[in-house]
Amino acid sequence: MDPTELSQVTQQVLEFLGSIGKSFAAYIALPHVYWAIIAWAIVFTAVVTLGLSLGFGSEGVIAGSLAAAFQSAMYGGFTPAGGIFASLTSLAMLGLLAPATTAIAAIIALIPAVIIFNSVLDS
């Protein structure tokens, strides 16, 4: 391919990418899309923050946390194996709680986003 053809192909690719960018910007500016994105971001942030602040850490249950209070009140000195509490502790100690929380939060946040996407009218 000679330099002139390469220049023409490059110009066509750049024009195509520019048109995609303009189309995408116009699409996310639509009210139903904009508010669905906002709703998703708010719910996602809230669920991740709540999930990661419960008190399950890489070394087990964090002292003084909500998880520690729950463990003390519900189980005392004995936490049954295989339960939700033990599973969350295990996930955190393996370093898998954050990715699992993120995935679950993304799915939960999708629910209000889809509702808003389908209910907000474009003016």
Protein backbone atom coordinates (compact mmCIF):
# COMPACT_ATOMS: atom_id res chain seq x y z
CA MET A 1 0.00 0.00 0.00
CA ASP A 2 1.51 3.30 -1.03
CA PRO A 3 1.51 6.35 1.27
CA THR A 4 -1.39 8.02 -0.57
CA GLU A 5 -3.68 5.01 -0.12
CA LEU A 6 -2.62 4.69 3.51
CA SER A 7 -3.44 8.36 4.05
CA GLN A 8 -6.89 7.93 2.48
CA VAL A 9 -7.64 4.84 4.57
CA THR A 10 -6.46 6.62 7.71
CA GLN A 11 -8.70 9.59 6.90
CA GLN A 12 -11.71 7.32 6.34
CA VAL A 13 -11.11 5.48 9.61
CA LEU A 14 -10.81 8.76 11.52
CA GLU A 15 -14.03 10.09 9.95
CA PHE A 16 -15.82 6.86 10.83
CA LEU A 17 -14.61 6.97 14.45
CA GLY A 18 -15.59 10.64 14.69
CA SER A 19 -19.11 9.87 13.47
CA ILE A 20 -19.41 7.04 16.01
CA GLY A 21 -18.31 9.40 18.78
CA LYS A 22 -20.88 12.01 17.75
CA SER A 23 -23.63 9.38 17.51
CA PHE A 24 -22.73 7.99 20.94
CA ALA A 25 -22.71 11.47 22.51
CA ALA A 26 -26.10 12.21 20.97
CA TYR A 27 -27.47 8.87 22.23
CA ILE A 28 -26.37 9.29 25.84
CA ALA A 29 -27.78 12.82 25.81
CA LEU A 30 -31.30 11.42 25.36
CA PRO A 31 -33.21 11.82 28.64
CA HIS A 32 -34.14 8.14 29.05
CA VAL A 33 -30.55 7.04 28.47
CA TYR A 34 -29.03 9.80 30.63
CA TRP A 35 -31.27 9.08 33.62
CA ALA A 36 -30.82 5.32 33.28
CA ILE A 37 -27.04 5.79 33.45
CA ILE A 38 -27.39 8.08 36.48
CA ALA A 39 -29.69 5.60 38.25
CA TRP A 40 -27.32 2.72 37.52
CA ALA A 41 -24.33 4.66 38.86
CA ILE A 42 -26.11 5.69 42.07
CA VAL A 43 -27.44 2.22 42.88
CA PHE A 44 -24.14 0.54 41.93
CA THR A 45 -22.16 2.91 44.17
CA ALA A 46 -24.55 2.45 47.09
CA VAL A 47 -24.56 -1.35 46.88
CA VAL A 48 -20.77 -1.62 46.52
CA THR A 49 -20.22 0.81 49.40
CA LEU A 50 -22.64 -1.08 51.63
CA GLY A 51 -21.25 -4.48 50.70
CA LEU A 52 -17.62 -3.56 51.21
CA SER A 53 -18.21 -1.67 54.46
CA LEU A 54 -19.84 -4.56 56.35
CA GLY A 55 -16.58 -5.54 58.01
CA PHE A 56 -15.27 -8.61 56.22
CA GLY A 57 -11.54 -8.22 55.59
CA SER A 58 -8.56 -10.15 54.32
CA GLU A 59 -7.75 -11.30 57.85
CA GLY A 60 -11.31 -12.24 58.77
CA VAL A 61 -13.99 -10.23 60.50
CA ILE A 62 -12.80 -6.71 61.29
CA ALA A 63 -13.03 -5.85 65.00
CA GLY A 64 -15.67 -3.25 65.85
CA SER A 65 -17.45 -3.62 62.50
CA LEU A 66 -21.06 -4.43 61.73
CA ALA A 67 -20.00 -7.99 60.88
CA ALA A 68 -18.30 -8.33 64.27
CA ALA A 69 -21.40 -7.07 66.08
CA PHE A 70 -23.60 -9.46 64.12
CA GLN A 71 -21.29 -12.39 64.79
CA SER A 72 -21.18 -11.62 68.50
CA ALA A 73 -24.95 -11.18 68.80
CA MET A 74 -26.01 -14.13 66.66
CA TYR A 75 -23.31 -16.73 67.08
CA GLY A 76 -21.30 -15.83 70.17
CA GLY A 77 -18.19 -17.99 70.05
CA PHE A 78 -19.49 -20.44 67.45
CA THR A 79 -20.00 -19.56 63.80
CA PRO A 80 -21.50 -22.47 61.87
CA ALA A 81 -19.55 -23.62 58.82
CA GLY A 82 -21.22 -23.31 55.44
CA GLY A 83 -23.53 -20.46 56.42
CA ILE A 84 -23.77 -17.09 54.72
CA PHE A 85 -21.64 -15.42 57.39
CA ALA A 86 -18.88 -18.01 57.10
CA SER A 87 -19.05 -17.85 53.31
CA LEU A 88 -18.69 -14.05 53.29
CA THR A 89 -15.74 -14.31 55.67
CA SER A 90 -14.14 -16.92 53.45
CA LEU A 91 -14.70 -14.87 50.28
CA ALA A 92 -13.12 -11.83 51.92
CA MET A 93 -10.12 -13.78 53.17
CA LEU A 94 -9.57 -15.22 49.69
CA GLY A 95 -9.79 -11.75 48.13
CA LEU A 96 -12.94 -12.61 46.22
CA LEU A 97 -15.48 -10.51 48.13
CA ALA A 98 -14.78 -7.27 46.25
CA PRO A 99 -15.17 -8.79 42.77
CA ALA A 100 -18.28 -10.69 43.85
CA THR A 101 -19.77 -7.56 45.42
CA THR A 102 -19.01 -5.58 42.28
CA ALA A 103 -20.67 -8.15 40.02
CA ILE A 104 -23.74 -8.40 42.23
CA ALA A 105 -23.99 -4.61 42.49
CA ALA A 106 -23.82 -4.28 38.70
CA ILE A 107 -26.71 -6.72 38.30
CA ILE A 108 -28.80 -5.10 41.05
CA ALA A 109 -28.17 -1.62 39.57
CA LEU A 110 -29.40 -2.84 36.21
CA ILE A 111 -32.94 -3.29 37.55
CA PRO A 112 -33.76 0.39 38.28
CA ALA A 113 -31.76 1.46 35.22
CA VAL A 114 -33.94 -0.66 32.93
CA ILE A 115 -37.11 0.57 34.63
CA ILE A 116 -36.05 4.19 34.18
CA PHE A 117 -34.85 3.56 30.64
CA ASN A 118 -38.30 2.27 29.73
CA SER A 119 -40.34 4.82 31.67
CA VAL A 120 -38.66 8.21 31.04
CA LEU A 121 -40.00 9.93 27.96
CA ASP A 122 -37.80 11.88 25.58
CA SER A 123 -39.03 15.42 25.08
